[in-house]
Amino acid sequence: VTKVRSTAIGYRRFVQPQRAALEKLAALPCDWLHDDDRLHLNAAADRAARMAEELEAIRERSALMHEALTDLRAEQIDSRGLLISIVALIFLPLTFLTGLYGMNVEGLPFAKEPWAFDLIGGVCIAIAVGIIGYFSVKRWFG
């Protein structure tokens, strides 16, 4: 898109002076330029003007397309950033709990119970399901 835009700008820079030169040539008071030649020069100047206008329209359309593509890319990056944040928010409390119970210190609740691992695993799963459910209710997914 950027290449098309720059090419259109380059062509317009070439065509625009051609139009002005053809109009000036057609308006010159000289004997060797016949009326039929003046008509052809004016027609060529009109064609050059239309080409310049079309090139300007192409430049504007390419600028709009570039802006739309940039907006689309920014929207995709935002949605991916939101997804990464949601995943981090789900795993942050789970990481805290597993890190806390992963320390080998005395005094942690249920540390010596044989069912403590199942309880901590169930609490982690419940927290993850609860956070996912909350995000689903708030429609943060999709």
C-alpha atoms as a PDB file:
ATOM      1  CA  VAL A   1       0.000   0.000   0.000  1.00  0.00           C
ATOM      2  CA  THR A   2       2.821   2.380   0.841  1.00  0.00           C
ATOM      3  CA  LYS A   3       4.565   1.593  -2.444  1.00  0.00           C
ATOM      4  CA  VAL A   4       1.384   2.319  -4.431  1.00  0.00           C
ATOM      5  CA  ARG A   5       0.966   5.600  -2.593  1.00  0.00           C
ATOM      6  CA  SER A   6       4.526   6.729  -3.227  1.00  0.00           C
ATOM      7  CA  THR A   7       4.297   5.686  -6.891  1.00  0.00           C
ATOM      8  CA  ALA A   8       1.069   7.682  -7.311  1.00  0.00           C
ATOM      9  CA  ILE A   9       2.712  10.717  -5.727  1.00  0.00           C
ATOM     10  CA  GLY A  10       5.667  10.395  -8.101  1.00  0.00           C
ATOM     11  CA  TYR A  11       3.445  10.111 -11.170  1.00  0.00           C
ATOM     12  CA  ARG A  12       1.336  13.051 -10.034  1.00  0.00           C
ATOM     13  CA  ARG A  13       4.456  15.176  -9.682  1.00  0.00           C
ATOM     14  CA  PHE A  14       5.236  14.327 -13.295  1.00  0.00           C
ATOM     15  CA  VAL A  15       1.708  14.768 -14.727  1.00  0.00           C
ATOM     16  CA  GLN A  16       0.748  18.001 -12.961  1.00  0.00           C
ATOM     17  CA  PRO A  17       3.448  20.174 -14.617  1.00  0.00           C
ATOM     18  CA  GLN A  18       2.692  18.539 -17.975  1.00  0.00           C
ATOM     19  CA  ARG A  19      -0.879  19.794 -17.777  1.00  0.00           C
ATOM     20  CA  ALA A  20       0.233  23.342 -17.018  1.00  0.00           C
ATOM     21  CA  ALA A  21       2.813  23.250 -19.814  1.00  0.00           C
ATOM     22  CA  LEU A  22       0.265  22.007 -22.354  1.00  0.00           C
ATOM     23  CA  GLU A  23      -2.214  24.722 -21.357  1.00  0.00           C
ATOM     24  CA  LYS A  24       0.451  27.413 -21.692  1.00  0.00           C
ATOM     25  CA  LEU A  25       1.539  26.049 -25.055  1.00  0.00           C
ATOM     26  CA  ALA A  26      -2.048  26.055 -26.334  1.00  0.00           C
ATOM     27  CA  ALA A  27      -2.479  29.669 -25.200  1.00  0.00           C
ATOM     28  CA  LEU A  28       0.692  30.942 -26.905  1.00  0.00           C
ATOM     29  CA  PRO A  29       0.012  33.495 -29.639  1.00  0.00           C
ATOM     30  CA  CYS A  30       2.087  32.081 -32.479  1.00  0.00           C
ATOM     31  CA  ASP A  31       1.556  31.613 -36.201  1.00  0.00           C
ATOM     32  CA  TRP A  32       2.884  28.087 -36.516  1.00  0.00           C
ATOM     33  CA  LEU A  33       0.238  26.701 -34.048  1.00  0.00           C
ATOM     34  CA  HIS A  34      -3.067  26.093 -35.845  1.00  0.00           C
ATOM     35  CA  ASP A  35      -6.496  25.981 -34.220  1.00  0.00           C
ATOM     36  CA  ASP A  36      -6.650  22.227 -34.706  1.00  0.00           C
ATOM     37  CA  ASP A  37      -3.330  21.890 -32.855  1.00  0.00           C
ATOM     38  CA  ARG A  38      -4.624  24.084 -30.043  1.00  0.00           C
ATOM     39  CA  LEU A  39      -7.666  21.817 -29.680  1.00  0.00           C
ATOM     40  CA  HIS A  40      -5.395  18.777 -29.461  1.00  0.00           C
ATOM     41  CA  LEU A  41      -3.187  20.499 -26.888  1.00  0.00           C
ATOM     42  CA  ASN A  42      -6.212  21.501 -24.789  1.00  0.00           C
ATOM     43  CA  ALA A  43      -7.537  17.933 -25.002  1.00  0.00           C
ATOM     44  CA  ALA A  44      -4.140  16.618 -23.901  1.00  0.00           C
ATOM     45  CA  ALA A  45      -4.122  19.132 -21.026  1.00  0.00           C
ATOM     46  CA  ASP A  46      -7.591  17.933 -19.978  1.00  0.00           C
ATOM     47  CA  ARG A  47      -6.422  14.310 -20.074  1.00  0.00           C
ATOM     48  CA  ALA A  48      -3.390  15.250 -17.972  1.00  0.00           C
ATOM     49  CA  ALA A  49      -5.697  17.019 -15.493  1.00  0.00           C
ATOM     50  CA  ARG A  50      -7.909  13.908 -15.254  1.00  0.00           C
ATOM     51  CA  MET A  51      -4.840  11.734 -14.750  1.00  0.00           C
ATOM     52  CA  ALA A  52      -3.609  14.041 -11.995  1.00  0.00           C
ATOM     53  CA  GLU A  53      -7.021  13.908 -10.306  1.00  0.00           C
ATOM     54  CA  GLU A  54      -7.121  10.121 -10.591  1.00  0.00           C
ATOM     55  CA  LEU A  55      -3.615   9.863  -9.160  1.00  0.00           C
ATOM     56  CA  GLU A  56      -4.677  12.088  -6.264  1.00  0.00           C
ATOM     57  CA  ALA A  57      -7.689   9.829  -5.671  1.00  0.00           C
ATOM     58  CA  ILE A  58      -5.412   6.771  -5.704  1.00  0.00           C
ATOM     59  CA  ARG A  59      -3.124   8.470  -3.198  1.00  0.00           C
ATOM     60  CA  GLU A  60      -6.066   9.261  -0.911  1.00  0.00           C
ATOM     61  CA  ARG A  61      -7.482   5.724  -1.184  1.00  0.00           C
ATOM     62  CA  SER A  62      -4.104   4.196  -0.424  1.00  0.00           C
ATOM     63  CA  ALA A  63      -3.736   6.488   2.592  1.00  0.00           C
ATOM     64  CA  LEU A  64      -7.169   5.369   3.828  1.00  0.00           C
ATOM     65  CA  MET A  65      -6.271   1.713   3.256  1.00  0.00           C
ATOM     66  CA  HIS A  66      -3.002   2.185   5.123  1.00  0.00           C
ATOM     67  CA  GLU A  67      -4.868   3.777   8.017  1.00  0.00           C
ATOM     68  CA  ALA A  68      -7.444   0.966   8.050  1.00  0.00           C
ATOM     69  CA  LEU A  69      -4.705  -1.674   8.050  1.00  0.00           C
ATOM     70  CA  THR A  70      -2.910   0.137  10.863  1.00  0.00           C
ATOM     71  CA  ASP A  71      -6.137   0.278  12.884  1.00  0.00           C
ATOM     72  CA  LEU A  72      -6.778  -3.422  12.252  1.00  0.00           C
ATOM     73  CA  ARG A  73      -3.264  -4.310  13.351  1.00  0.00           C
ATOM     74  CA  ALA A  74      -3.622  -2.188  16.498  1.00  0.00           C
ATOM     75  CA  GLU A  75      -6.941  -3.883  17.281  1.00  0.00           C
ATOM     76  CA  GLN A  76      -5.353  -7.323  16.881  1.00  0.00           C
ATOM     77  CA  ILE A  77      -2.486  -6.340  19.163  1.00  0.00           C
ATOM     78  CA  ASP A  78      -4.948  -5.008  21.751  1.00  0.00           C
ATOM     79  CA  SER A  79      -6.997  -8.211  21.716  1.00  0.00           C
ATOM     80  CA  ARG A  80      -3.873 -10.340  22.065  1.00  0.00           C
ATOM     81  CA  GLY A  81      -2.650  -8.150  24.912  1.00  0.00           C
ATOM     82  CA  LEU A  82      -6.024  -8.551  26.632  1.00  0.00           C
ATOM     83  CA  LEU A  83      -5.839 -12.327  26.238  1.00  0.00           C
ATOM     84  CA  ILE A  84      -2.325 -12.411  27.674  1.00  0.00           C
ATOM     85  CA  SER A  85      -3.462 -10.252  30.603  1.00  0.00           C
ATOM     86  CA  ILE A  86      -6.412 -12.556  31.269  1.00  0.00           C
ATOM     87  CA  VAL A  87      -4.188 -15.634  31.244  1.00  0.00           C
ATOM     88  CA  ALA A  88      -1.753 -13.901  33.598  1.00  0.00           C
ATOM     89  CA  LEU A  89      -4.627 -12.888  35.874  1.00  0.00           C
ATOM     90  CA  ILE A  90      -5.842 -16.493  36.010  1.00  0.00           C
ATOM     91  CA  PHE A  91      -2.441 -17.946  36.837  1.00  0.00           C
ATOM     92  CA  LEU A  92      -1.239 -15.238  39.236  1.00  0.00           C
ATOM     93  CA  PRO A  93      -3.234 -16.418  42.285  1.00  0.00           C
ATOM     94  CA  LEU A  94      -2.486 -20.040  41.403  1.00  0.00           C
ATOM     95  CA  THR A  95       1.225 -19.296  41.279  1.00  0.00           C
ATOM     96  CA  PHE A  96       1.005 -17.543  44.626  1.00  0.00           C
ATOM     97  CA  LEU A  97      -0.711 -20.501  46.290  1.00  0.00           C
ATOM     98  CA  THR A  98       1.632 -23.095  44.831  1.00  0.00           C
ATOM     99  CA  GLY A  99       4.653 -20.960  45.695  1.00  0.00           C
ATOM    100  CA  LEU A 100       3.427 -20.489  49.238  1.00  0.00           C
ATOM    101  CA  TYR A 101       2.850 -24.187  49.791  1.00  0.00           C
ATOM    102  CA  GLY A 102       6.031 -25.058  47.939  1.00  0.00           C
ATOM    103  CA  MET A 103       8.125 -23.490  50.713  1.00  0.00           C
ATOM    104  CA  ASN A 104       9.377 -25.967  53.253  1.00  0.00           C
ATOM    105  CA  VAL A 105       8.448 -24.076  56.404  1.00  0.00           C
ATOM    106  CA  GLU A 106       6.472 -25.039  59.460  1.00  0.00           C
ATOM    107  CA  GLY A 107       3.103 -23.587  60.332  1.00  0.00           C
ATOM    108  CA  LEU A 108       1.315 -23.759  56.991  1.00  0.00           C
ATOM    109  CA  PRO A 109      -2.290 -24.895  57.394  1.00  0.00           C
ATOM    110  CA  PHE A 110      -2.900 -28.537  56.453  1.00  0.00           C
ATOM    111  CA  ALA A 111       0.791 -29.043  55.590  1.00  0.00           C
ATOM    112  CA  LYS A 112       1.008 -32.382  57.406  1.00  0.00           C
ATOM    113  CA  GLU A 113      -2.350 -33.751  56.278  1.00  0.00           C
ATOM    114  CA  PRO A 114      -2.324 -36.469  53.575  1.00  0.00           C
ATOM    115  CA  TRP A 115      -5.258 -34.860  51.724  1.00  0.00           C
ATOM    116  CA  ALA A 116      -3.670 -31.367  51.658  1.00  0.00           C
ATOM    117  CA  PHE A 117      -2.349 -31.735  48.110  1.00  0.00           C
ATOM    118  CA  ASP A 118      -5.813 -32.615  46.829  1.00  0.00           C
ATOM    119  CA  LEU A 119      -7.291 -29.659  48.726  1.00  0.00           C
ATOM    120  CA  ILE A 120      -4.750 -27.164  47.355  1.00  0.00           C
ATOM    121  CA  GLY A 121      -5.194 -28.562  43.830  1.00  0.00           C
ATOM    122  CA  GLY A 122      -8.979 -28.278  44.172  1.00  0.00           C
ATOM    123  CA  VAL A 123      -8.704 -24.709  45.484  1.00  0.00           C
ATOM    124  CA  CYS A 124      -6.464 -23.778  42.537  1.00  0.00           C
ATOM    125  CA  ILE A 125      -8.917 -25.310  40.068  1.00  0.00           C
ATOM    126  CA  ALA A 126     -11.847 -23.576  41.796  1.00  0.00           C
ATOM    127  CA  ILE A 127     -10.056 -20.215  41.635  1.00  0.00           C
ATOM    128  CA  ALA A 128      -9.245 -20.706  37.941  1.00  0.00           C
ATOM    129  CA  VAL A 129     -12.821 -21.742  37.106  1.00  0.00           C
ATOM    130  CA  GLY A 130     -14.186 -18.835  39.152  1.00  0.00           C
ATOM    131  CA  ILE A 131     -11.998 -16.293  37.364  1.00  0.00           C
ATOM    132  CA  ILE A 132     -12.851 -17.768  33.953  1.00  0.00           C
ATOM    133  CA  GLY A 133     -16.554 -17.722  34.871  1.00  0.00           C
ATOM    134  CA  TYR A 134     -16.333 -14.097  35.988  1.00  0.00           C
ATOM    135  CA  PHE A 135     -14.621 -13.120  32.736  1.00  0.00           C
ATOM    136  CA  SER A 136     -17.247 -15.027  30.750  1.00  0.00           C
ATOM    137  CA  VAL A 137     -20.069 -13.190  32.544  1.00  0.00           C
ATOM    138  CA  LYS A 138     -18.338  -9.858  31.881  1.00  0.00           C
ATOM    139  CA  ARG A 139     -17.866 -10.976  28.218  1.00  0.00           C
ATOM    140  CA  TRP A 140     -14.131 -10.404  28.184  1.00  0.00           C
ATOM    141  CA  PHE A 141     -13.669 -13.442  25.945  1.00  0.00           C
ATOM    142  CA  GLY A 142     -14.300 -12.965  22.237  1.00  0.00           C
END
